[in-house]
């Protein structure tokens, strides 16, 4: 499972749309879509925002758990 798959899984588990999650963490919906499709990697600040929002470690998102 790649980081995009983990982000999508967490978002779906929380019953969030891409728009809702992107608004909550302060990024565009298009950026989130690129992350979920593994087209781009989130920067450090975005990783921290995702980890804080879902109350998980950045290592989990990166597959280093």
C-alpha atoms as a PDB file:
ATOM      1  CA  UNK A   1       0.000   0.000   0.000  1.00  0.00           C
ATOM      2  CA  UNK A   2       1.430   3.392  -0.997  1.00  0.00           C
ATOM      3  CA  UNK A   3       1.010   6.662   0.888  1.00  0.00           C
ATOM      4  CA  UNK A   4      -1.832   7.756  -1.427  1.00  0.00           C
ATOM      5  CA  UNK A   5      -3.730   4.586  -0.642  1.00  0.00           C
ATOM      6  CA  UNK A   6      -3.306   5.240   3.081  1.00  0.00           C
ATOM      7  CA  UNK A   7      -4.567   8.808   2.762  1.00  0.00           C
ATOM      8  CA  UNK A   8      -7.602   7.682   0.743  1.00  0.00           C
ATOM      9  CA  UNK A   9      -8.303   4.890   3.252  1.00  0.00           C
ATOM     10  CA  UNK A  10      -8.199   7.288   6.193  1.00  0.00           C
ATOM     11  CA  UNK A  11     -10.397   9.807   4.385  1.00  0.00           C
ATOM     12  CA  UNK A  12     -12.976   7.172   3.449  1.00  0.00           C
ATOM     13  CA  UNK A  13     -12.898   5.686   6.944  1.00  0.00           C
ATOM     14  CA  UNK A  14     -13.765   9.152   8.279  1.00  0.00           C
ATOM     15  CA  UNK A  15     -16.600   9.516   5.735  1.00  0.00           C
ATOM     16  CA  UNK A  16     -14.985  12.612   4.244  1.00  0.00           C
ATOM     17  CA  UNK A  17     -15.025  13.833   0.679  1.00  0.00           C
ATOM     18  CA  UNK A  18     -11.824  15.060  -0.894  1.00  0.00           C
ATOM     19  CA  UNK A  19     -13.239  18.582  -0.730  1.00  0.00           C
ATOM     20  CA  UNK A  20     -14.042  18.320   2.973  1.00  0.00           C
ATOM     21  CA  UNK A  21     -10.633  16.939   3.932  1.00  0.00           C
ATOM     22  CA  UNK A  22      -8.730  19.398   1.767  1.00  0.00           C
ATOM     23  CA  UNK A  23     -10.615  22.303   3.388  1.00  0.00           C
ATOM     24  CA  UNK A  24      -9.939  20.960   6.880  1.00  0.00           C
ATOM     25  CA  UNK A  25      -6.172  20.755   6.322  1.00  0.00           C
ATOM     26  CA  UNK A  26      -5.820  23.825   4.096  1.00  0.00           C
ATOM     27  CA  UNK A  27      -4.871  22.393   0.703  1.00  0.00           C
ATOM     28  CA  UNK A  28      -6.661  22.259  -2.635  1.00  0.00           C
ATOM     29  CA  UNK A  29      -8.868  19.349  -3.582  1.00  0.00           C
ATOM     30  CA  UNK A  30      -6.733  18.859  -6.686  1.00  0.00           C
ATOM     31  CA  UNK A  31      -3.590  18.469  -4.561  1.00  0.00           C
ATOM     32  CA  UNK A  32      -5.289  15.888  -2.366  1.00  0.00           C
ATOM     33  CA  UNK A  33      -6.428  14.004  -5.446  1.00  0.00           C
ATOM     34  CA  UNK A  34      -2.851  13.926  -6.772  1.00  0.00           C
ATOM     35  CA  UNK A  35      -1.607  12.597  -3.433  1.00  0.00           C
ATOM     36  CA  UNK A  36      -4.273   9.883  -3.308  1.00  0.00           C
ATOM     37  CA  UNK A  37      -3.452   8.775  -6.857  1.00  0.00           C
ATOM     38  CA  UNK A  38       0.280   8.714  -6.037  1.00  0.00           C
ATOM     39  CA  UNK A  39       1.003  11.301  -8.726  1.00  0.00           C
ATOM     40  CA  UNK A  40       2.638  13.647  -6.221  1.00  0.00           C
ATOM     41  CA  UNK A  41       4.039  13.365  -2.727  1.00  0.00           C
ATOM     42  CA  UNK A  42       2.856  15.694   0.008  1.00  0.00           C
ATOM     43  CA  UNK A  43       5.394  18.113   1.450  1.00  0.00           C
ATOM     44  CA  UNK A  44       6.448  17.984   5.087  1.00  0.00           C
ATOM     45  CA  UNK A  45       3.848  20.515   6.269  1.00  0.00           C
ATOM     46  CA  UNK A  46       1.027  18.656   4.529  1.00  0.00           C
ATOM     47  CA  UNK A  47       2.192  15.355   6.027  1.00  0.00           C
ATOM     48  CA  UNK A  48       2.078  16.946   9.480  1.00  0.00           C
ATOM     49  CA  UNK A  49      -1.406  18.353   8.854  1.00  0.00           C
ATOM     50  CA  UNK A  50      -2.691  14.947   7.738  1.00  0.00           C
ATOM     51  CA  UNK A  51      -1.086  13.186  10.686  1.00  0.00           C
ATOM     52  CA  UNK A  52      -2.474  15.725  13.145  1.00  0.00           C
ATOM     53  CA  UNK A  53      -5.958  15.623  11.640  1.00  0.00           C
ATOM     54  CA  UNK A  54      -6.174  11.819  11.723  1.00  0.00           C
ATOM     55  CA  UNK A  55      -4.186  11.548  14.978  1.00  0.00           C
ATOM     56  CA  UNK A  56      -1.638   9.193  13.452  1.00  0.00           C
ATOM     57  CA  UNK A  57       2.112   9.311  12.879  1.00  0.00           C
ATOM     58  CA  UNK A  58       3.717  10.567   9.694  1.00  0.00           C
ATOM     59  CA  UNK A  59       5.479   7.205   9.630  1.00  0.00           C
ATOM     60  CA  UNK A  60       2.119   5.484   9.098  1.00  0.00           C
ATOM     61  CA  UNK A  61       1.339   7.647   6.055  1.00  0.00           C
ATOM     62  CA  UNK A  62       4.807   6.987   4.662  1.00  0.00           C
ATOM     63  CA  UNK A  63       4.558   3.240   5.282  1.00  0.00           C
ATOM     64  CA  UNK A  64       7.317   3.184   7.906  1.00  0.00           C
ATOM     65  CA  UNK A  65       5.278   1.893  10.845  1.00  0.00           C
END
